[in-house]
């Protein structure tokens, strides 16, 4: 069941629930192709723009990963 405002597609959900049980890479690729085909035909969401989440951090933080959103892993306080 979909939550309010979220798309509902029973066929896609059934495949999503199979994902953890897939054992081989070939099976996983086949399952992913099926899921992509369903989502493409179902049009579960439409991106209408671009989101920018500006952020700032202290110079004393190191290990920050450069990506479009803030990743909270690999971050450390610089020594000294």
PDB file of N, CA and C in Angstrom:
ATOM      1  N   UNK A   1       0.839  -1.187   0.000  1.00  0.00           N
ATOM      2  CA  UNK A   1       0.000   0.000   0.000  1.00  0.00           C
ATOM      3  C   UNK A   1       0.878   1.242   0.000  1.00  0.00           C
ATOM      4  N   UNK A   2       0.501   2.179  -0.809  1.00  0.00           N
ATOM      5  CA  UNK A   2       1.271   3.418  -0.895  1.00  0.00           C
ATOM      6  C   UNK A   2       0.839   4.374   0.205  1.00  0.00           C
ATOM      7  N   UNK A   3       1.762   5.211   0.623  1.00  0.00           N
ATOM      8  CA  UNK A   3       1.462   6.229   1.599  1.00  0.00           C
ATOM      9  C   UNK A   3       0.849   7.409   0.872  1.00  0.00           C
ATOM     10  N   UNK A   4       0.200   8.313   1.592  1.00  0.00           N
ATOM     11  CA  UNK A   4      -0.450   9.463   0.975  1.00  0.00           C
ATOM     12  C   UNK A   4       0.534  10.219   0.099  1.00  0.00           C
ATOM     13  N   UNK A   5       0.153  10.457  -1.146  1.00  0.00           N
ATOM     14  CA  UNK A   5       0.994  11.222  -2.048  1.00  0.00           C
ATOM     15  C   UNK A   5       2.048  10.405  -2.767  1.00  0.00           C
ATOM     16  N   UNK A   6       2.192   9.118  -2.414  1.00  0.00           N
ATOM     17  CA  UNK A   6       3.185   8.271  -3.070  1.00  0.00           C
ATOM     18  C   UNK A   6       2.490   7.371  -4.075  1.00  0.00           C
ATOM     19  N   UNK A   7       3.144   7.066  -5.189  1.00  0.00           N
ATOM     20  CA  UNK A   7       2.526   6.200  -6.196  1.00  0.00           C
ATOM     21  C   UNK A   7       2.406   4.762  -5.696  1.00  0.00           C
ATOM     22  N   UNK A   8       1.418   4.052  -6.205  1.00  0.00           N
ATOM     23  CA  UNK A   8       1.193   2.658  -5.809  1.00  0.00           C
ATOM     24  C   UNK A   8       1.197   1.792  -7.062  1.00  0.00           C
ATOM     25  N   UNK A   9       2.059   0.788  -7.076  1.00  0.00           N
ATOM     26  CA  UNK A   9       2.121  -0.155  -8.183  1.00  0.00           C
ATOM     27  C   UNK A   9       2.447  -1.526  -7.600  1.00  0.00           C
ATOM     28  N   UNK A  10       1.454  -2.401  -7.574  1.00  0.00           N
ATOM     29  CA  UNK A  10       1.614  -3.708  -6.930  1.00  0.00           C
ATOM     30  C   UNK A  10       2.661  -4.582  -7.620  1.00  0.00           C
ATOM     31  N   UNK A  11       2.738  -4.520  -8.953  1.00  0.00           N
ATOM     32  CA  UNK A  11       3.715  -5.328  -9.685  1.00  0.00           C
ATOM     33  C   UNK A  11       5.143  -4.903  -9.321  1.00  0.00           C
ATOM     34  N   UNK A  12       5.367  -3.591  -9.248  1.00  0.00           N
ATOM     35  CA  UNK A  12       6.690  -3.084  -8.884  1.00  0.00           C
ATOM     36  C   UNK A  12       7.043  -3.479  -7.452  1.00  0.00           C
ATOM     37  N   UNK A  13       6.083  -3.359  -6.541  1.00  0.00           N
ATOM     38  CA  UNK A  13       6.325  -3.708  -5.137  1.00  0.00           C
ATOM     39  C   UNK A  13       6.670  -5.186  -4.981  1.00  0.00           C
ATOM     40  N   UNK A  14       6.018  -6.056  -5.752  1.00  0.00           N
ATOM     41  CA  UNK A  14       6.320  -7.488  -5.681  1.00  0.00           C
ATOM     42  C   UNK A  14       7.764  -7.752  -6.112  1.00  0.00           C
ATOM     43  N   UNK A  15       8.213  -7.070  -7.163  1.00  0.00           N
ATOM     44  CA  UNK A  15       9.597  -7.232  -7.614  1.00  0.00           C
ATOM     45  C   UNK A  15      10.575  -6.645  -6.603  1.00  0.00           C
ATOM     46  N   UNK A  16      10.214  -5.520  -6.003  1.00  0.00           N
ATOM     47  CA  UNK A  16      11.082  -4.887  -5.003  1.00  0.00           C
ATOM     48  C   UNK A  16      11.290  -5.808  -3.803  1.00  0.00           C
ATOM     49  N   UNK A  17      10.247  -6.522  -3.423  1.00  0.00           N
ATOM     50  CA  UNK A  17      10.354  -7.449  -2.294  1.00  0.00           C
ATOM     51  C   UNK A  17      11.220  -8.663  -2.629  1.00  0.00           C
ATOM     52  N   UNK A  18      11.362  -8.996  -3.906  1.00  0.00           N
ATOM     53  CA  UNK A  18      12.223 -10.110  -4.323  1.00  0.00           C
ATOM     54  C   UNK A  18      13.702  -9.733  -4.301  1.00  0.00           C
ATOM     55  N   UNK A  19      14.012  -8.443  -4.359  1.00  0.00           N
ATOM     56  CA  UNK A  19      15.399  -7.979  -4.522  1.00  0.00           C
ATOM     57  C   UNK A  19      16.384  -8.607  -3.526  1.00  0.00           C
ATOM     58  N   UNK A  20      16.081  -8.648  -2.218  1.00  0.00           N
ATOM     59  CA  UNK A  20      17.066  -9.207  -1.274  1.00  0.00           C
ATOM     60  C   UNK A  20      17.326 -10.703  -1.470  1.00  0.00           C
ATOM     61  N   UNK A  21      16.402 -11.413  -2.098  1.00  0.00           N
ATOM     62  CA  UNK A  21      16.527 -12.860  -2.246  1.00  0.00           C
ATOM     63  C   UNK A  21      17.227 -13.289  -3.533  1.00  0.00           C
ATOM     64  N   UNK A  22      17.529 -12.346  -4.409  1.00  0.00           N
ATOM     65  CA  UNK A  22      18.182 -12.677  -5.675  1.00  0.00           C
ATOM     66  C   UNK A  22      19.641 -13.024  -5.391  1.00  0.00           C
ATOM     67  N   UNK A  23      20.102 -14.135  -5.949  1.00  0.00           N
ATOM     68  CA  UNK A  23      21.433 -14.634  -5.597  1.00  0.00           C
ATOM     69  C   UNK A  23      22.527 -14.290  -6.596  1.00  0.00           C
ATOM     70  N   UNK A  24      22.230 -14.314  -7.892  1.00  0.00           N
ATOM     71  CA  UNK A  24      23.293 -14.099  -8.877  1.00  0.00           C
ATOM     72  C   UNK A  24      23.199 -12.713  -9.498  1.00  0.00           C
ATOM     73  N   UNK A  25      24.305 -12.271 -10.055  1.00  0.00           N
ATOM     74  CA  UNK A  25      24.345 -10.976 -10.727  1.00  0.00           C
ATOM     75  C   UNK A  25      23.389 -10.955 -11.914  1.00  0.00           C
ATOM     76  N   UNK A  26      23.334 -12.045 -12.669  1.00  0.00           N
ATOM     77  CA  UNK A  26      22.450 -12.111 -13.836  1.00  0.00           C
ATOM     78  C   UNK A  26      20.984 -11.985 -13.426  1.00  0.00           C
ATOM     79  N   UNK A  27      20.605 -12.655 -12.338  1.00  0.00           N
ATOM     80  CA  UNK A  27      19.227 -12.556 -11.840  1.00  0.00           C
ATOM     81  C   UNK A  27      18.928 -11.138 -11.366  1.00  0.00           C
ATOM     82  N   UNK A  28      19.902 -10.535 -10.691  1.00  0.00           N
ATOM     83  CA  UNK A  28      19.714  -9.169 -10.202  1.00  0.00           C
ATOM     84  C   UNK A  28      19.568  -8.189 -11.371  1.00  0.00           C
ATOM     85  N   UNK A  29      20.366  -8.374 -12.418  1.00  0.00           N
ATOM     86  CA  UNK A  29      20.263  -7.506 -13.591  1.00  0.00           C
ATOM     87  C   UNK A  29      18.915  -7.677 -14.280  1.00  0.00           C
ATOM     88  N   UNK A  30      18.444  -8.914 -14.402  1.00  0.00           N
ATOM     89  CA  UNK A  30      17.143  -9.166 -15.026  1.00  0.00           C
ATOM     90  C   UNK A  30      16.025  -8.536 -14.205  1.00  0.00           C
ATOM     91  N   UNK A  31      16.108  -8.671 -12.889  1.00  0.00           N
ATOM     92  CA  UNK A  31      15.101  -8.077 -12.013  1.00  0.00           C
ATOM     93  C   UNK A  31      15.129  -6.555 -12.118  1.00  0.00           C
ATOM     94  N   UNK A  32      16.320  -5.975 -12.150  1.00  0.00           N
ATOM     95  CA  UNK A  32      16.442  -4.518 -12.277  1.00  0.00           C
ATOM     96  C   UNK A  32      15.849  -4.035 -13.592  1.00  0.00           C
ATOM     97  N   UNK A  33      16.076  -4.786 -14.678  1.00  0.00           N
ATOM     98  CA  UNK A  33      15.498  -4.395 -15.971  1.00  0.00           C
ATOM     99  C   UNK A  33      13.974  -4.416 -15.920  1.00  0.00           C
ATOM    100  N   UNK A  34      13.406  -5.436 -15.282  1.00  0.00           N
ATOM    101  CA  UNK A  34      11.945  -5.509 -15.139  1.00  0.00           C
ATOM    102  C   UNK A  34      11.430  -4.321 -14.332  1.00  0.00           C
ATOM    103  N   UNK A  35      12.116  -4.011 -13.224  1.00  0.00           N
ATOM    104  CA  UNK A  35      11.690  -2.899 -12.372  1.00  0.00           C
ATOM    105  C   UNK A  35      11.773  -1.575 -13.125  1.00  0.00           C
ATOM    106  N   UNK A  36      12.845  -1.386 -13.890  1.00  0.00           N
ATOM    107  CA  UNK A  36      12.994  -0.151 -14.656  1.00  0.00           C
ATOM    108  C   UNK A  36      11.919  -0.034 -15.725  1.00  0.00           C
ATOM    109  N   UNK A  37      11.601  -1.144 -16.406  1.00  0.00           N
ATOM    110  CA  UNK A  37      10.562  -1.122 -17.431  1.00  0.00           C
ATOM    111  C   UNK A  37       9.213  -0.738 -16.822  1.00  0.00           C
ATOM    112  N   UNK A  38       8.880  -1.361 -15.697  1.00  0.00           N
ATOM    113  CA  UNK A  38       7.605  -1.054 -15.035  1.00  0.00           C
ATOM    114  C   UNK A  38       7.561   0.410 -14.623  1.00  0.00           C
ATOM    115  N   UNK A  39       8.637   0.901 -13.995  1.00  0.00           N
ATOM    116  CA  UNK A  39       8.642   2.284 -13.509  1.00  0.00           C
ATOM    117  C   UNK A  39       8.579   3.275 -14.663  1.00  0.00           C
ATOM    118  N   UNK A  40       9.236   2.928 -15.782  1.00  0.00           N
ATOM    119  CA  UNK A  40       9.221   3.797 -16.956  1.00  0.00           C
ATOM    120  C   UNK A  40       7.810   3.888 -17.531  1.00  0.00           C
ATOM    121  N   UNK A  41       7.104   2.772 -17.608  1.00  0.00           N
ATOM    122  CA  UNK A  41       5.751   2.749 -18.150  1.00  0.00           C
ATOM    123  C   UNK A  41       4.736   3.313 -17.160  1.00  0.00           C
ATOM    124  N   UNK A  42       4.970   3.105 -15.880  1.00  0.00           N
ATOM    125  CA  UNK A  42       4.042   3.549 -14.840  1.00  0.00           C
ATOM    126  C   UNK A  42       4.171   5.044 -14.563  1.00  0.00           C
ATOM    127  N   UNK A  43       5.324   5.593 -14.742  1.00  0.00           N
ATOM    128  CA  UNK A  43       5.650   6.997 -14.443  1.00  0.00           C
ATOM    129  C   UNK A  43       5.286   7.305 -12.992  1.00  0.00           C
ATOM    130  N   UNK A  44       6.067   6.744 -12.085  1.00  0.00           N
ATOM    131  CA  UNK A  44       5.822   6.907 -10.656  1.00  0.00           C
ATOM    132  C   UNK A  44       6.126   8.290 -10.125  1.00  0.00           C
ATOM    133  N   UNK A  45       7.021   9.008 -10.788  1.00  0.00           N
ATOM    134  CA  UNK A  45       7.280  10.393 -10.403  1.00  0.00           C
ATOM    135  C   UNK A  45       7.828  11.148 -11.608  1.00  0.00           C
ATOM    136  N   UNK A  46       7.691  12.448 -11.553  1.00  0.00           N
ATOM    137  CA  UNK A  46       8.178  13.317 -12.623  1.00  0.00           C
ATOM    138  C   UNK A  46       9.008  14.408 -11.973  1.00  0.00           C
ATOM    139  N   UNK A  47      10.247  14.505 -12.367  1.00  0.00           N
ATOM    140  CA  UNK A  47      11.133  15.540 -11.826  1.00  0.00           C
ATOM    141  C   UNK A  47      10.893  16.830 -12.598  1.00  0.00           C
ATOM    142  N   UNK A  48      10.499  17.862 -11.890  1.00  0.00           N
ATOM    143  CA  UNK A  48      10.146  19.120 -12.540  1.00  0.00           C
ATOM    144  C   UNK A  48      11.212  20.191 -12.414  1.00  0.00           C
ATOM    145  N   UNK A  49      12.309  19.880 -11.805  1.00  0.00           N
ATOM    146  CA  UNK A  49      13.331  20.905 -11.648  1.00  0.00           C
ATOM    147  C   UNK A  49      14.573  20.337 -11.009  1.00  0.00           C
ATOM    148  N   UNK A  50      15.386  21.234 -10.562  1.00  0.00           N
ATOM    149  CA  UNK A  50      16.653  20.858  -9.960  1.00  0.00           C
ATOM    150  C   UNK A  50      16.674  21.387  -8.534  1.00  0.00           C
ATOM    151  N   UNK A  51      17.198  20.603  -7.632  1.00  0.00           N
ATOM    152  CA  UNK A  51      17.274  21.005  -6.229  1.00  0.00           C
ATOM    153  C   UNK A  51      18.731  21.241  -5.868  1.00  0.00           C
ATOM    154  N   UNK A  52      18.990  22.335  -5.220  1.00  0.00           N
ATOM    155  CA  UNK A  52      20.333  22.636  -4.740  1.00  0.00           C
ATOM    156  C   UNK A  52      20.254  22.784  -3.230  1.00  0.00           C
ATOM    157  N   UNK A  53      21.070  22.039  -2.537  1.00  0.00           N
ATOM    158  CA  UNK A  53      21.106  22.109  -1.080  1.00  0.00           C
ATOM    159  C   UNK A  53      22.463  22.647  -0.654  1.00  0.00           C
ATOM    160  N   UNK A  54      22.595  23.965  -0.579  1.00  0.00           N
ATOM    161  CA  UNK A  54      23.894  24.516  -0.187  1.00  0.00           C
ATOM    162  C   UNK A  54      24.235  24.122   1.245  1.00  0.00           C
ATOM    163  N   UNK A  55      25.505  23.902   1.494  1.00  0.00           N
ATOM    164  CA  UNK A  55      25.941  23.561   2.841  1.00  0.00           C
ATOM    165  C   UNK A  55      27.307  24.177   3.092  1.00  0.00           C
ATOM    166  N   UNK A  56      27.618  24.331   4.344  1.00  0.00           N
ATOM    167  CA  UNK A  56      28.919  24.871   4.746  1.00  0.00           C
ATOM    168  C   UNK A  56      29.485  23.950   5.815  1.00  0.00           C
ATOM    169  N   UNK A  57      30.798  23.931   5.919  1.00  0.00           N
ATOM    170  CA  UNK A  57      31.419  23.112   6.950  1.00  0.00           C
ATOM    171  C   UNK A  57      32.697  23.788   7.427  1.00  0.00           C
ATOM    172  N   UNK A  58      33.120  23.399   8.600  1.00  0.00           N
ATOM    173  CA  UNK A  58      34.328  23.971   9.189  1.00  0.00           C
ATOM    174  C   UNK A  58      35.574  23.481   8.471  1.00  0.00           C
ATOM    175  N   UNK A  59      36.616  24.265   8.536  1.00  0.00           N
ATOM    176  CA  UNK A  59      37.895  23.851   7.969  1.00  0.00           C
ATOM    177  C   UNK A  59      38.486  22.676   8.736  1.00  0.00           C
ATOM    178  N   UNK A  60      38.027  22.487   9.981  1.00  0.00           N
ATOM    179  CA  UNK A  60      38.584  21.410  10.803  1.00  0.00           C
ATOM    180  C   UNK A  60      38.017  20.035  10.440  1.00  0.00           C
ATOM    181  N   UNK A  61      37.093  19.961   9.484  1.00  0.00           N
ATOM    182  CA  UNK A  61      36.557  18.670   9.061  1.00  0.00           C
ATOM    183  C   UNK A  61      37.313  18.179   7.837  1.00  0.00           C
ATOM    184  N   UNK A  62      37.670  16.916   7.849  1.00  0.00           N
ATOM    185  CA  UNK A  62      38.377  16.328   6.710  1.00  0.00           C
ATOM    186  C   UNK A  62      37.609  15.107   6.219  1.00  0.00           C
ATOM    187  N   UNK A  63      37.966  14.627   5.041  1.00  0.00           N
ATOM    188  CA  UNK A  63      37.365  13.415   4.507  1.00  0.00           C
ATOM    189  C   UNK A  63      35.992  13.606   3.905  1.00  0.00           C
ATOM    190  N   UNK A  64      35.590  14.851   3.666  1.00  0.00           N
ATOM    191  CA  UNK A  64      34.273  15.086   3.083  1.00  0.00           C
ATOM    192  C   UNK A  64      34.241  14.566   1.647  1.00  0.00           C
ATOM    193  N   UNK A  65      33.170  13.900   1.296  1.00  0.00           N
ATOM    194  CA  UNK A  65      33.013  13.328  -0.038  1.00  0.00           C
ATOM    195  C   UNK A  65      32.319  14.360  -0.918  1.00  0.00           C
ATOM    196  N   UNK A  66      32.924  14.680  -2.068  1.00  0.00           N
ATOM    197  CA  UNK A  66      32.331  15.646  -2.994  1.00  0.00           C
ATOM    198  C   UNK A  66      31.173  14.990  -3.736  1.00  0.00           C
ATOM    199  N   UNK A  67      29.969  15.437  -3.467  1.00  0.00           N
ATOM    200  CA  UNK A  67      28.781  14.928  -4.144  1.00  0.00           C
ATOM    201  C   UNK A  67      27.672  15.964  -4.042  1.00  0.00           C
ATOM    202  N   UNK A  68      26.575  15.800  -4.798  1.00  0.00           N
ATOM    203  CA  UNK A  68      25.526  16.820  -4.828  1.00  0.00           C
ATOM    204  C   UNK A  68      24.739  16.976  -3.532  1.00  0.00           C
ATOM    205  N   UNK A  69      24.912  16.071  -2.592  1.00  0.00           N
ATOM    206  CA  UNK A  69      24.227  16.182  -1.310  1.00  0.00           C
ATOM    207  C   UNK A  69      25.233  15.882  -0.203  1.00  0.00           C
ATOM    208  N   UNK A  70      24.865  16.171   1.014  1.00  0.00           N
ATOM    209  CA  UNK A  70      25.793  15.989   2.127  1.00  0.00           C
ATOM    210  C   UNK A  70      25.851  14.512   2.507  1.00  0.00           C
ATOM    211  N   UNK A  71      27.036  13.941   2.437  1.00  0.00           N
ATOM    212  CA  UNK A  71      27.248  12.558   2.876  1.00  0.00           C
ATOM    213  C   UNK A  71      27.883  12.615   4.260  1.00  0.00           C
ATOM    214  N   UNK A  72      27.296  11.922   5.209  1.00  0.00           N
ATOM    215  CA  UNK A  72      27.759  12.017   6.590  1.00  0.00           C
ATOM    216  C   UNK A  72      28.768  10.935   6.940  1.00  0.00           C
ATOM    217  N   UNK A  73      29.220  10.165   5.970  1.00  0.00           N
ATOM    218  CA  UNK A  73      30.227   9.159   6.261  1.00  0.00           C
ATOM    219  C   UNK A  73      31.606   9.679   5.871  1.00  0.00           C
ATOM    220  N   UNK A  74      32.640   9.062   6.400  1.00  0.00           N
ATOM    221  CA  UNK A  74      34.036   9.376   6.097  1.00  0.00           C
ATOM    222  C   UNK A  74      34.493  10.707   6.688  1.00  0.00           C
ATOM    223  N   UNK A  75      33.666  11.392   7.438  1.00  0.00           N
ATOM    224  CA  UNK A  75      33.998  12.711   7.969  1.00  0.00           C
ATOM    225  C   UNK A  75      34.753  12.561   9.288  1.00  0.00           C
ATOM    226  N   UNK A  76      35.798  13.366   9.459  1.00  0.00           N
ATOM    227  CA  UNK A  76      36.584  13.344  10.693  1.00  0.00           C
ATOM    228  C   UNK A  76      37.007  14.761  11.043  1.00  0.00           C
ATOM    229  N   UNK A  77      37.301  14.963  12.328  1.00  0.00           N
ATOM    230  CA  UNK A  77      37.911  16.223  12.739  1.00  0.00           C
ATOM    231  C   UNK A  77      39.387  16.170  12.410  1.00  0.00           C
ATOM    232  N   UNK A  78      39.898  17.240  11.832  1.00  0.00           N
ATOM    233  CA  UNK A  78      41.329  17.297  11.514  1.00  0.00           C
ATOM    234  C   UNK A  78      42.126  17.363  12.804  1.00  0.00           C
ATOM    235  N   UNK A  79      43.267  16.716  12.825  1.00  0.00           N
ATOM    236  CA  UNK A  79      44.100  16.770  14.027  1.00  0.00           C
ATOM    237  C   UNK A  79      44.856  18.086  14.061  1.00  0.00           C
ATOM    238  N   UNK A  80      44.997  18.625  15.243  1.00  0.00           N
ATOM    239  CA  UNK A  80      45.787  19.839  15.392  1.00  0.00           C
ATOM    240  C   UNK A  80      45.036  21.036  15.578  1.00  0.00           C
TER     241      UNK A  80
END
